[in-house]
ModelCIF file with pLDDT and N, C-alpha, C, O atoms, coordinates in Angstrom:
data_MODEL
#
_entry.id   MODEL 
#
_entity.id                         1 
_entity.type                       polymer 
_entity.pdbx_number_of_molecules   1 
#
_entity_poly.entity_id                      1 
_entity_poly.type                           'polypeptide(L)' 
_entity_poly.nstd_linkage                   no 
_entity_poly.nstd_monomer                   no 
_entity_poly.pdbx_seq_one_letter_code       ELVATIPSLGSIVYADSVKGRFTISRDNAKNTVYLQMNSLKPEDTAVY 
_entity_poly.pdbx_seq_one_letter_code_can   ELVATIPSLGSIVYADSVKGRFTISRDNAKNTVYLQMNSLKPEDTAVY 
_entity_poly.pdbx_strand_id                 A 
#
loop_
_entity_poly_seq.entity_id 
_entity_poly_seq.num 
_entity_poly_seq.mon_id 
_entity_poly_seq.hetero 
1 1  GLU n 
1 2  LEU n 
1 3  VAL n 
1 4  ALA n 
1 5  THR n 
1 6  ILE n 
1 7  PRO n 
1 8  SER n 
1 9  LEU n 
1 10 GLY n 
1 11 SER n 
1 12 ILE n 
1 13 VAL n 
1 14 TYR n 
1 15 ALA n 
1 16 ASP n 
1 17 SER n 
1 18 VAL n 
1 19 LYS n 
1 20 GLY n 
1 21 ARG n 
1 22 PHE n 
1 23 THR n 
1 24 ILE n 
1 25 SER n 
1 26 ARG n 
1 27 ASP n 
1 28 ASN n 
1 29 ALA n 
1 30 LYS n 
1 31 ASN n 
1 32 THR n 
1 33 VAL n 
1 34 TYR n 
1 35 LEU n 
1 36 GLN n 
1 37 MET n 
1 38 ASN n 
1 39 SER n 
1 40 LEU n 
1 41 LYS n 
1 42 PRO n 
1 43 GLU n 
1 44 ASP n 
1 45 THR n 
1 46 ALA n 
1 47 VAL n 
1 48 TYR n 
#
_struct_asym.id          A 
_struct_asym.entity_id   1 
#
loop_
_ma_qa_metric.id 
_ma_qa_metric.mode 
_ma_qa_metric.name 
_ma_qa_metric.software_group_id 
_ma_qa_metric.type 
1 global pLDDT . pLDDT 
2 local  pLDDT . pLDDT 
#
_ma_qa_metric_global.metric_id      1 
_ma_qa_metric_global.metric_value   96.12 
_ma_qa_metric_global.model_id       1 
_ma_qa_metric_global.ordinal_id     1 
#
loop_
_ma_qa_metric_local.label_asym_id 
_ma_qa_metric_local.label_comp_id 
_ma_qa_metric_local.label_seq_id 
_ma_qa_metric_local.metric_id 
_ma_qa_metric_local.metric_value 
_ma_qa_metric_local.model_id 
_ma_qa_metric_local.ordinal_id 
A GLU 1  2 97.00 1 1  
A LEU 2  2 98.00 1 2  
A VAL 3  2 98.00 1 3  
A ALA 4  2 98.00 1 4  
A THR 5  2 98.00 1 5  
A ILE 6  2 96.00 1 6  
A PRO 7  2 93.00 1 7  
A SER 8  2 88.00 1 8  
A LEU 9  2 87.00 1 9  
A GLY 10 2 85.00 1 10 
A SER 11 2 93.00 1 11 
A ILE 12 2 97.00 1 12 
A VAL 13 2 97.00 1 13 
A TYR 14 2 98.00 1 14 
A ALA 15 2 98.00 1 15 
A ASP 16 2 98.00 1 16 
A SER 17 2 97.00 1 17 
A VAL 18 2 98.00 1 18 
A LYS 19 2 98.00 1 19 
A GLY 20 2 98.00 1 20 
A ARG 21 2 98.00 1 21 
A PHE 22 2 98.00 1 22 
A THR 23 2 98.00 1 23 
A ILE 24 2 98.00 1 24 
A SER 25 2 97.00 1 25 
A ARG 26 2 95.00 1 26 
A ASP 27 2 94.00 1 27 
A ASN 28 2 90.00 1 28 
A ALA 29 2 91.00 1 29 
A LYS 30 2 93.00 1 30 
A ASN 31 2 92.00 1 31 
A THR 32 2 95.00 1 32 
A VAL 33 2 97.00 1 33 
A TYR 34 2 98.00 1 34 
A LEU 35 2 98.00 1 35 
A GLN 36 2 98.00 1 36 
A MET 37 2 98.00 1 37 
A ASN 38 2 98.00 1 38 
A SER 39 2 98.00 1 39 
A LEU 40 2 98.00 1 40 
A LYS 41 2 98.00 1 41 
A PRO 42 2 97.00 1 42 
A GLU 43 2 97.00 1 43 
A ASP 44 2 98.00 1 44 
A THR 45 2 98.00 1 45 
A ALA 46 2 98.00 1 46 
A VAL 47 2 98.00 1 47 
A TYR 48 2 98.00 1 48 
#
loop_
_atom_site.group_PDB 
_atom_site.id 
_atom_site.type_symbol 
_atom_site.label_atom_id 
_atom_site.label_alt_id 
_atom_site.label_comp_id 
_atom_site.label_asym_id 
_atom_site.label_entity_id 
_atom_site.label_seq_id 
_atom_site.pdbx_PDB_ins_code 
_atom_site.Cartn_x 
_atom_site.Cartn_y 
_atom_site.Cartn_z 
_atom_site.occupancy 
_atom_site.B_iso_or_equiv 
_atom_site.pdbx_formal_charge 
_atom_site.auth_seq_id 
_atom_site.auth_comp_id 
_atom_site.auth_asym_id 
_atom_site.auth_atom_id 
_atom_site.pdbx_PDB_model_num 
ATOM 1   N N  . GLU A 1 1  ? -8.376 4.642  -7.700  1.00 97.00 ? 1  GLU A N  1 
ATOM 2   C CA . GLU A 1 1  ? -8.692 3.230  -7.165  1.00 97.00 ? 1  GLU A CA 1 
ATOM 3   C C  . GLU A 1 1  ? -7.808 2.874  -5.803  1.00 97.00 ? 1  GLU A C  1 
ATOM 4   O O  . GLU A 1 1  ? -6.901 3.560  -5.332  1.00 97.00 ? 1  GLU A O  1 
ATOM 5   N N  . LEU A 1 2  ? -8.229 1.839  -5.392  1.00 98.00 ? 2  LEU A N  1 
ATOM 6   C CA . LEU A 1 2  ? -7.899 1.789  -4.097  1.00 98.00 ? 2  LEU A CA 1 
ATOM 7   C C  . LEU A 1 2  ? -6.288 0.837  -4.143  1.00 98.00 ? 2  LEU A C  1 
ATOM 8   O O  . LEU A 1 2  ? -6.140 -0.195 -4.797  1.00 98.00 ? 2  LEU A O  1 
ATOM 9   N N  . VAL A 1 3  ? -5.351 1.409  -3.397  1.00 98.00 ? 3  VAL A N  1 
ATOM 10  C CA . VAL A 1 3  ? -3.924 0.307  -3.708  1.00 98.00 ? 3  VAL A CA 1 
ATOM 11  C C  . VAL A 1 3  ? -4.156 -0.210 -2.819  1.00 98.00 ? 3  VAL A C  1 
ATOM 12  O O  . VAL A 1 3  ? -4.442 -1.377 -3.087  1.00 98.00 ? 3  VAL A O  1 
ATOM 13  N N  . ALA A 1 4  ? -4.225 0.083  -1.394  1.00 98.00 ? 4  ALA A N  1 
ATOM 14  C CA . ALA A 1 4  ? -3.569 -0.724 -0.252  1.00 98.00 ? 4  ALA A CA 1 
ATOM 15  C C  . ALA A 1 4  ? -4.685 0.474  1.295   1.00 98.00 ? 4  ALA A C  1 
ATOM 16  O O  . ALA A 1 4  ? -4.893 1.664  1.527   1.00 98.00 ? 4  ALA A O  1 
ATOM 17  N N  . THR A 1 5  ? -4.943 -0.491 1.725   1.00 98.00 ? 5  THR A N  1 
ATOM 18  C CA . THR A 1 5  ? -5.531 -0.093 3.176   1.00 98.00 ? 5  THR A CA 1 
ATOM 19  C C  . THR A 1 5  ? -5.413 -1.051 4.590   1.00 98.00 ? 5  THR A C  1 
ATOM 20  O O  . THR A 1 5  ? -5.823 -2.190 4.816   1.00 98.00 ? 5  THR A O  1 
ATOM 21  N N  . ILE A 1 6  ? -4.582 0.037  5.533   1.00 96.00 ? 6  ILE A N  1 
ATOM 22  C CA . ILE A 1 6  ? -4.544 -0.775 6.364   1.00 96.00 ? 6  ILE A CA 1 
ATOM 23  C C  . ILE A 1 6  ? -4.970 -0.029 8.165   1.00 96.00 ? 6  ILE A C  1 
ATOM 24  O O  . ILE A 1 6  ? -4.680 1.043  8.698   1.00 96.00 ? 6  ILE A O  1 
ATOM 25  N N  . PRO A 1 7  ? -5.611 -1.006 8.536   1.00 93.00 ? 7  PRO A N  1 
ATOM 26  C CA . PRO A 1 7  ? -6.792 -0.405 9.587   1.00 93.00 ? 7  PRO A CA 1 
ATOM 27  C C  . PRO A 1 7  ? -5.954 -0.547 11.069  1.00 93.00 ? 7  PRO A C  1 
ATOM 28  O O  . PRO A 1 7  ? -4.992 -1.314 11.097  1.00 93.00 ? 7  PRO A O  1 
ATOM 29  N N  . SER A 1 8  ? -6.243 0.021  11.999  1.00 88.00 ? 8  SER A N  1 
ATOM 30  C CA . SER A 1 8  ? -5.614 0.099  13.211  1.00 88.00 ? 8  SER A CA 1 
ATOM 31  C C  . SER A 1 8  ? -5.914 -1.171 13.614  1.00 88.00 ? 8  SER A C  1 
ATOM 32  O O  . SER A 1 8  ? -4.814 -1.651 13.887  1.00 88.00 ? 8  SER A O  1 
ATOM 33  N N  . LEU A 1 9  ? -6.781 -2.032 13.822  1.00 87.00 ? 9  LEU A N  1 
ATOM 34  C CA . LEU A 1 9  ? -7.803 -3.134 13.819  1.00 87.00 ? 9  LEU A CA 1 
ATOM 35  C C  . LEU A 1 9  ? -8.002 -4.132 12.570  1.00 87.00 ? 9  LEU A C  1 
ATOM 36  O O  . LEU A 1 9  ? -8.655 -3.474 11.761  1.00 87.00 ? 9  LEU A O  1 
ATOM 37  N N  . GLY A 1 10 ? -7.805 -5.128 12.146  1.00 85.00 ? 10 GLY A N  1 
ATOM 38  C CA . GLY A 1 10 ? -8.224 -5.586 11.651  1.00 85.00 ? 10 GLY A CA 1 
ATOM 39  C C  . GLY A 1 10 ? -7.059 -6.177 10.394  1.00 85.00 ? 10 GLY A C  1 
ATOM 40  O O  . GLY A 1 10 ? -5.884 -6.376 10.701  1.00 85.00 ? 10 GLY A O  1 
ATOM 41  N N  . SER A 1 11 ? -7.476 -6.369 9.252   1.00 93.00 ? 11 SER A N  1 
ATOM 42  C CA . SER A 1 11 ? -6.747 -6.970 7.903   1.00 93.00 ? 11 SER A CA 1 
ATOM 43  C C  . SER A 1 11 ? -6.114 -6.257 6.736   1.00 93.00 ? 11 SER A C  1 
ATOM 44  O O  . SER A 1 11 ? -7.024 -5.798 6.046   1.00 93.00 ? 11 SER A O  1 
ATOM 45  N N  . ILE A 1 12 ? -5.075 -6.009 6.289   1.00 97.00 ? 12 ILE A N  1 
ATOM 46  C CA . ILE A 1 12 ? -4.551 -5.461 5.638   1.00 97.00 ? 12 ILE A CA 1 
ATOM 47  C C  . ILE A 1 12 ? -5.165 -5.483 3.764   1.00 97.00 ? 12 ILE A C  1 
ATOM 48  O O  . ILE A 1 12 ? -4.572 -6.235 2.991   1.00 97.00 ? 12 ILE A O  1 
ATOM 49  N N  . VAL A 1 13 ? -5.581 -5.174 3.578   1.00 97.00 ? 13 VAL A N  1 
ATOM 50  C CA . VAL A 1 13 ? -5.980 -4.986 1.503   1.00 97.00 ? 13 VAL A CA 1 
ATOM 51  C C  . VAL A 1 13 ? -5.284 -4.445 0.870   1.00 97.00 ? 13 VAL A C  1 
ATOM 52  O O  . VAL A 1 13 ? -4.842 -3.322 1.112   1.00 97.00 ? 13 VAL A O  1 
ATOM 53  N N  . TYR A 1 14 ? -4.933 -5.397 -0.463  1.00 98.00 ? 14 TYR A N  1 
ATOM 54  C CA . TYR A 1 14 ? -4.354 -4.734 -1.653  1.00 98.00 ? 14 TYR A CA 1 
ATOM 55  C C  . TYR A 1 14 ? -5.211 -5.073 -2.232  1.00 98.00 ? 14 TYR A C  1 
ATOM 56  O O  . TYR A 1 14 ? -6.165 -5.652 -1.714  1.00 98.00 ? 14 TYR A O  1 
ATOM 57  N N  . ALA A 1 15 ? -5.084 -4.714 -3.925  1.00 98.00 ? 15 ALA A N  1 
ATOM 58  C CA . ALA A 1 15 ? -5.141 -4.168 -4.879  1.00 98.00 ? 15 ALA A CA 1 
ATOM 59  C C  . ALA A 1 15 ? -4.748 -5.472 -5.498  1.00 98.00 ? 15 ALA A C  1 
ATOM 60  O O  . ALA A 1 15 ? -3.570 -5.791 -5.336  1.00 98.00 ? 15 ALA A O  1 
ATOM 61  N N  . ASP A 1 16 ? -5.506 -6.278 -6.170  1.00 98.00 ? 16 ASP A N  1 
ATOM 62  C CA . ASP A 1 16 ? -5.176 -7.122 -6.681  1.00 98.00 ? 16 ASP A CA 1 
ATOM 63  C C  . ASP A 1 16 ? -3.828 -7.156 -7.691  1.00 98.00 ? 16 ASP A C  1 
ATOM 64  O O  . ASP A 1 16 ? -2.980 -8.045 -7.621  1.00 98.00 ? 16 ASP A O  1 
ATOM 65  N N  . SER A 1 17 ? -3.776 -5.995 -8.673  1.00 97.00 ? 17 SER A N  1 
ATOM 66  C CA . SER A 1 17 ? -2.875 -5.473 -9.508  1.00 97.00 ? 17 SER A CA 1 
ATOM 67  C C  . SER A 1 17 ? -1.596 -4.574 -8.493  1.00 97.00 ? 17 SER A C  1 
ATOM 68  O O  . SER A 1 17 ? -0.999 -3.588 -8.923  1.00 97.00 ? 17 SER A O  1 
ATOM 69  N N  . VAL A 1 18 ? -1.375 -5.167 -7.127  1.00 98.00 ? 18 VAL A N  1 
ATOM 70  C CA . VAL A 1 18 ? -0.093 -4.649 -6.505  1.00 98.00 ? 18 VAL A CA 1 
ATOM 71  C C  . VAL A 1 18 ? 0.061  -5.754 -5.383  1.00 98.00 ? 18 VAL A C  1 
ATOM 72  O O  . VAL A 1 18 ? 0.805  -5.565 -4.421  1.00 98.00 ? 18 VAL A O  1 
ATOM 73  N N  . LYS A 1 19 ? -0.617 -6.826 -5.533  1.00 98.00 ? 19 LYS A N  1 
ATOM 74  C CA . LYS A 1 19 ? -0.108 -7.651 -4.752  1.00 98.00 ? 19 LYS A CA 1 
ATOM 75  C C  . LYS A 1 19 ? 0.879  -8.227 -5.274  1.00 98.00 ? 19 LYS A C  1 
ATOM 76  O O  . LYS A 1 19 ? 1.047  -8.727 -6.387  1.00 98.00 ? 19 LYS A O  1 
ATOM 77  N N  . GLY A 1 20 ? 1.785  -8.076 -4.021  1.00 98.00 ? 20 GLY A N  1 
ATOM 78  C CA . GLY A 1 20 ? 2.964  -9.395 -4.096  1.00 98.00 ? 20 GLY A CA 1 
ATOM 79  C C  . GLY A 1 20 ? 3.957  -8.565 -4.282  1.00 98.00 ? 20 GLY A C  1 
ATOM 80  O O  . GLY A 1 20 ? 5.054  -8.888 -3.826  1.00 98.00 ? 20 GLY A O  1 
ATOM 81  N N  . ARG A 1 21 ? 3.833  -7.493 -4.886  1.00 98.00 ? 21 ARG A N  1 
ATOM 82  C CA . ARG A 1 21 ? 5.099  -6.028 -5.403  1.00 98.00 ? 21 ARG A CA 1 
ATOM 83  C C  . ARG A 1 21 ? 4.841  -4.966 -4.485  1.00 98.00 ? 21 ARG A C  1 
ATOM 84  O O  . ARG A 1 21 ? 5.816  -4.218 -4.409  1.00 98.00 ? 21 ARG A O  1 
ATOM 85  N N  . PHE A 1 22 ? 3.471  -4.480 -3.448  1.00 98.00 ? 22 PHE A N  1 
ATOM 86  C CA . PHE A 1 22 ? 3.848  -3.655 -3.228  1.00 98.00 ? 22 PHE A CA 1 
ATOM 87  C C  . PHE A 1 22 ? 3.457  -4.260 -1.420  1.00 98.00 ? 22 PHE A C  1 
ATOM 88  O O  . PHE A 1 22 ? 2.986  -5.350 -1.093  1.00 98.00 ? 22 PHE A O  1 
ATOM 89  N N  . THR A 1 23 ? 3.835  -3.169 -0.588  1.00 98.00 ? 23 THR A N  1 
ATOM 90  C CA . THR A 1 23 ? 3.883  -3.191 0.864   1.00 98.00 ? 23 THR A CA 1 
ATOM 91  C C  . THR A 1 23 ? 2.979  -2.189 1.705   1.00 98.00 ? 23 THR A C  1 
ATOM 92  O O  . THR A 1 23 ? 3.148  -1.002 1.430   1.00 98.00 ? 23 THR A O  1 
ATOM 93  N N  . ILE A 1 24 ? 2.046  -2.488 2.687   1.00 98.00 ? 24 ILE A N  1 
ATOM 94  C CA . ILE A 1 24 ? 1.719  -1.211 3.227   1.00 98.00 ? 24 ILE A CA 1 
ATOM 95  C C  . ILE A 1 24 ? 2.232  -1.642 4.445   1.00 98.00 ? 24 ILE A C  1 
ATOM 96  O O  . ILE A 1 24 ? 2.330  -2.825 4.773   1.00 98.00 ? 24 ILE A O  1 
ATOM 97  N N  . SER A 1 25 ? 2.645  -0.431 5.289   1.00 97.00 ? 25 SER A N  1 
ATOM 98  C CA . SER A 1 25 ? 2.915  -0.652 6.577   1.00 97.00 ? 25 SER A CA 1 
ATOM 99  C C  . SER A 1 25 ? 2.724  0.470  7.418   1.00 97.00 ? 25 SER A C  1 
ATOM 100 O O  . SER A 1 25 ? 2.895  1.572  6.895   1.00 97.00 ? 25 SER A O  1 
ATOM 101 N N  . ARG A 1 26 ? 2.453  0.428  8.429   1.00 95.00 ? 26 ARG A N  1 
ATOM 102 C CA . ARG A 1 26 ? 2.097  2.089  10.087  1.00 95.00 ? 26 ARG A CA 1 
ATOM 103 C C  . ARG A 1 26 ? 2.885  1.996  11.156  1.00 95.00 ? 26 ARG A C  1 
ATOM 104 O O  . ARG A 1 26 ? 3.159  1.019  11.852  1.00 95.00 ? 26 ARG A O  1 
ATOM 105 N N  . ASP A 1 27 ? 3.213  3.081  11.218  1.00 94.00 ? 27 ASP A N  1 
ATOM 106 C CA . ASP A 1 27 ? 3.683  3.588  12.666  1.00 94.00 ? 27 ASP A CA 1 
ATOM 107 C C  . ASP A 1 27 ? 2.533  4.398  13.221  1.00 94.00 ? 27 ASP A C  1 
ATOM 108 O O  . ASP A 1 27 ? 2.094  5.397  12.651  1.00 94.00 ? 27 ASP A O  1 
ATOM 109 N N  . ASN A 1 28 ? 1.946  3.795  14.654  1.00 90.00 ? 28 ASN A N  1 
ATOM 110 C CA . ASN A 1 28 ? 1.020  4.322  14.913  1.00 90.00 ? 28 ASN A CA 1 
ATOM 111 C C  . ASN A 1 28 ? 1.136  5.554  15.718  1.00 90.00 ? 28 ASN A C  1 
ATOM 112 O O  . ASN A 1 28 ? 0.316  6.469  15.800  1.00 90.00 ? 28 ASN A O  1 
ATOM 113 N N  . ALA A 1 29 ? 2.686  5.396  16.505  1.00 91.00 ? 29 ALA A N  1 
ATOM 114 C CA . ALA A 1 29 ? 3.471  6.439  17.178  1.00 91.00 ? 29 ALA A CA 1 
ATOM 115 C C  . ALA A 1 29 ? 2.817  7.822  16.469  1.00 91.00 ? 29 ALA A C  1 
ATOM 116 O O  . ALA A 1 29 ? 2.121  8.743  16.896  1.00 91.00 ? 29 ALA A O  1 
ATOM 117 N N  . LYS A 1 30 ? 3.292  7.550  15.415  1.00 93.00 ? 30 LYS A N  1 
ATOM 118 C CA . LYS A 1 30 ? 3.838  8.876  14.515  1.00 93.00 ? 30 LYS A CA 1 
ATOM 119 C C  . LYS A 1 30 ? 2.320  8.987  13.226  1.00 93.00 ? 30 LYS A C  1 
ATOM 120 O O  . LYS A 1 30 ? 2.013  9.867  12.421  1.00 93.00 ? 30 LYS A O  1 
ATOM 121 N N  . ASN A 1 31 ? 1.691  7.658  13.566  1.00 92.00 ? 31 ASN A N  1 
ATOM 122 C CA . ASN A 1 31 ? 0.244  8.326  12.992  1.00 92.00 ? 31 ASN A CA 1 
ATOM 123 C C  . ASN A 1 31 ? 0.795  8.742  11.225  1.00 92.00 ? 31 ASN A C  1 
ATOM 124 O O  . ASN A 1 31 ? 0.391  9.674  10.530  1.00 92.00 ? 31 ASN A O  1 
ATOM 125 N N  . THR A 1 32 ? 1.988  7.517  10.824  1.00 95.00 ? 32 THR A N  1 
ATOM 126 C CA . THR A 1 32 ? 2.185  7.672  9.301   1.00 95.00 ? 32 THR A CA 1 
ATOM 127 C C  . THR A 1 32 ? 2.075  6.683  8.876   1.00 95.00 ? 32 THR A C  1 
ATOM 128 O O  . THR A 1 32 ? 2.004  5.900  9.823   1.00 95.00 ? 32 THR A O  1 
ATOM 129 N N  . VAL A 1 33 ? 2.003  6.112  7.855   1.00 97.00 ? 33 VAL A N  1 
ATOM 130 C CA . VAL A 1 33 ? 1.682  4.980  7.030   1.00 97.00 ? 33 VAL A CA 1 
ATOM 131 C C  . VAL A 1 33 ? 2.844  5.167  5.487   1.00 97.00 ? 33 VAL A C  1 
ATOM 132 O O  . VAL A 1 33 ? 3.068  6.076  4.687   1.00 97.00 ? 33 VAL A O  1 
ATOM 133 N N  . TYR A 1 34 ? 3.282  3.926  5.660   1.00 98.00 ? 34 TYR A N  1 
ATOM 134 C CA . TYR A 1 34 ? 4.508  3.995  3.992   1.00 98.00 ? 34 TYR A CA 1 
ATOM 135 C C  . TYR A 1 34 ? 4.024  3.218  3.488   1.00 98.00 ? 34 TYR A C  1 
ATOM 136 O O  . TYR A 1 34 ? 3.678  2.333  4.271   1.00 98.00 ? 34 TYR A O  1 
ATOM 137 N N  . LEU A 1 35 ? 3.642  2.931  1.943   1.00 98.00 ? 35 LEU A N  1 
ATOM 138 C CA . LEU A 1 35 ? 3.571  2.194  0.858   1.00 98.00 ? 35 LEU A CA 1 
ATOM 139 C C  . LEU A 1 35 ? 5.078  2.218  -0.233  1.00 98.00 ? 35 LEU A C  1 
ATOM 140 O O  . LEU A 1 35 ? 5.408  3.061  -1.068  1.00 98.00 ? 35 LEU A O  1 
ATOM 141 N N  . GLN A 1 36 ? 5.926  0.639  0.288   1.00 98.00 ? 36 GLN A N  1 
ATOM 142 C CA . GLN A 1 36 ? 6.984  0.152  -0.460  1.00 98.00 ? 36 GLN A CA 1 
ATOM 143 C C  . GLN A 1 36 ? 6.475  -0.255 -1.599  1.00 98.00 ? 36 GLN A C  1 
ATOM 144 O O  . GLN A 1 36 ? 5.580  -1.100 -1.589  1.00 98.00 ? 36 GLN A O  1 
ATOM 145 N N  . MET A 1 37 ? 6.898  0.209  -2.631  1.00 98.00 ? 37 MET A N  1 
ATOM 146 C CA . MET A 1 37 ? 6.426  -0.306 -4.040  1.00 98.00 ? 37 MET A CA 1 
ATOM 147 C C  . MET A 1 37 ? 7.535  -0.731 -4.501  1.00 98.00 ? 37 MET A C  1 
ATOM 148 O O  . MET A 1 37 ? 8.440  0.103  -4.516  1.00 98.00 ? 37 MET A O  1 
ATOM 149 N N  . ASN A 1 38 ? 7.835  -2.052 -4.994  1.00 98.00 ? 38 ASN A N  1 
ATOM 150 C CA . ASN A 1 38 ? 8.776  -2.806 -5.549  1.00 98.00 ? 38 ASN A CA 1 
ATOM 151 C C  . ASN A 1 38 ? 8.798  -3.322 -6.819  1.00 98.00 ? 38 ASN A C  1 
ATOM 152 O O  . ASN A 1 38 ? 7.635  -3.051 -7.117  1.00 98.00 ? 38 ASN A O  1 
ATOM 153 N N  . SER A 1 39 ? 9.223  -3.837 -7.746  1.00 98.00 ? 39 SER A N  1 
ATOM 154 C CA . SER A 1 39 ? 8.985  -3.858 -9.350  1.00 98.00 ? 39 SER A CA 1 
ATOM 155 C C  . SER A 1 39 ? 7.785  -3.486 -9.749  1.00 98.00 ? 39 SER A C  1 
ATOM 156 O O  . SER A 1 39 ? 6.710  -4.063 -9.912  1.00 98.00 ? 39 SER A O  1 
ATOM 157 N N  . LEU A 1 40 ? 8.338  -1.969 -9.924  1.00 98.00 ? 40 LEU A N  1 
ATOM 158 C CA . LEU A 1 40 ? 6.915  -1.280 -10.447 1.00 98.00 ? 40 LEU A CA 1 
ATOM 159 C C  . LEU A 1 40 ? 7.207  -1.324 -11.682 1.00 98.00 ? 40 LEU A C  1 
ATOM 160 O O  . LEU A 1 40 ? 8.259  -1.755 -12.153 1.00 98.00 ? 40 LEU A O  1 
ATOM 161 N N  . LYS A 1 41 ? 6.055  -0.766 -12.418 1.00 98.00 ? 41 LYS A N  1 
ATOM 162 C CA . LYS A 1 41 ? 5.580  -1.124 -13.743 1.00 98.00 ? 41 LYS A CA 1 
ATOM 163 C C  . LYS A 1 41 ? 5.216  0.064  -14.397 1.00 98.00 ? 41 LYS A C  1 
ATOM 164 O O  . LYS A 1 41 ? 5.001  1.043  -13.682 1.00 98.00 ? 41 LYS A O  1 
ATOM 165 N N  . PRO A 1 42 ? 5.095  0.181  -15.715 1.00 97.00 ? 42 PRO A N  1 
ATOM 166 C CA . PRO A 1 42 ? 4.280  1.708  -16.176 1.00 97.00 ? 42 PRO A CA 1 
ATOM 167 C C  . PRO A 1 42 ? 3.176  1.990  -15.673 1.00 97.00 ? 42 PRO A C  1 
ATOM 168 O O  . PRO A 1 42 ? 2.949  3.103  -15.199 1.00 97.00 ? 42 PRO A O  1 
ATOM 169 N N  . GLU A 1 43 ? 2.257  0.967  -15.697 1.00 97.00 ? 43 GLU A N  1 
ATOM 170 C CA . GLU A 1 43 ? 1.156  1.105  -15.638 1.00 97.00 ? 43 GLU A CA 1 
ATOM 171 C C  . GLU A 1 43 ? 0.746  1.314  -13.719 1.00 97.00 ? 43 GLU A C  1 
ATOM 172 O O  . GLU A 1 43 ? -0.407 1.207  -13.302 1.00 97.00 ? 43 GLU A O  1 
ATOM 173 N N  . ASP A 1 44 ? 1.787  1.572  -12.930 1.00 98.00 ? 44 ASP A N  1 
ATOM 174 C CA . ASP A 1 44 ? 1.718  1.910  -11.777 1.00 98.00 ? 44 ASP A CA 1 
ATOM 175 C C  . ASP A 1 44 ? 1.653  3.416  -11.661 1.00 98.00 ? 44 ASP A C  1 
ATOM 176 O O  . ASP A 1 44 ? 1.214  4.052  -10.703 1.00 98.00 ? 44 ASP A O  1 
ATOM 177 N N  . THR A 1 45 ? 2.218  3.941  -12.918 1.00 98.00 ? 45 THR A N  1 
ATOM 178 C CA . THR A 1 45 ? 2.407  5.839  -12.875 1.00 98.00 ? 45 THR A CA 1 
ATOM 179 C C  . THR A 1 45 ? 0.717  6.588  -12.776 1.00 98.00 ? 45 THR A C  1 
ATOM 180 O O  . THR A 1 45 ? -0.290 6.553  -13.484 1.00 98.00 ? 45 THR A O  1 
ATOM 181 N N  . ALA A 1 46 ? 1.012  7.079  -11.805 1.00 98.00 ? 46 ALA A N  1 
ATOM 182 C CA . ALA A 1 46 ? -0.597 7.772  -11.379 1.00 98.00 ? 46 ALA A CA 1 
ATOM 183 C C  . ALA A 1 46 ? -0.446 8.863  -10.266 1.00 98.00 ? 46 ALA A C  1 
ATOM 184 O O  . ALA A 1 46 ? 0.722  8.735  -9.898  1.00 98.00 ? 46 ALA A O  1 
ATOM 185 N N  . VAL A 1 47 ? -0.996 9.824  -9.571  1.00 98.00 ? 47 VAL A N  1 
ATOM 186 C CA . VAL A 1 47 ? -0.893 10.665 -8.523  1.00 98.00 ? 47 VAL A CA 1 
ATOM 187 C C  . VAL A 1 47 ? -1.429 9.491  -7.646  1.00 98.00 ? 47 VAL A C  1 
ATOM 188 O O  . VAL A 1 47 ? -2.527 8.956  -7.802  1.00 98.00 ? 47 VAL A O  1 
ATOM 189 N N  . TYR A 1 48 ? -0.457 9.149  -6.656  1.00 98.00 ? 48 TYR A N  1 
ATOM 190 C CA . TYR A 1 48 ? -0.846 8.377  -5.170  1.00 98.00 ? 48 TYR A CA 1 
ATOM 191 C C  . TYR A 1 48 ? -1.366 9.481  -4.150  1.00 98.00 ? 48 TYR A C  1 
ATOM 192 O O  . TYR A 1 48 ? -1.705 9.158  -3.012  1.00 98.00 ? 48 TYR A O  1 
#
């Protein structure tokens, strides 16, 4: 399932299940994306 997506241009999209808890961000200079996950729940257990 999709957790979050961040385009180079356009809007960030989050799954409803993670809205308000997870934050996706991107460092374009490093071609690196981060996923900050707060208030984690057992149902967040998965391979990301």
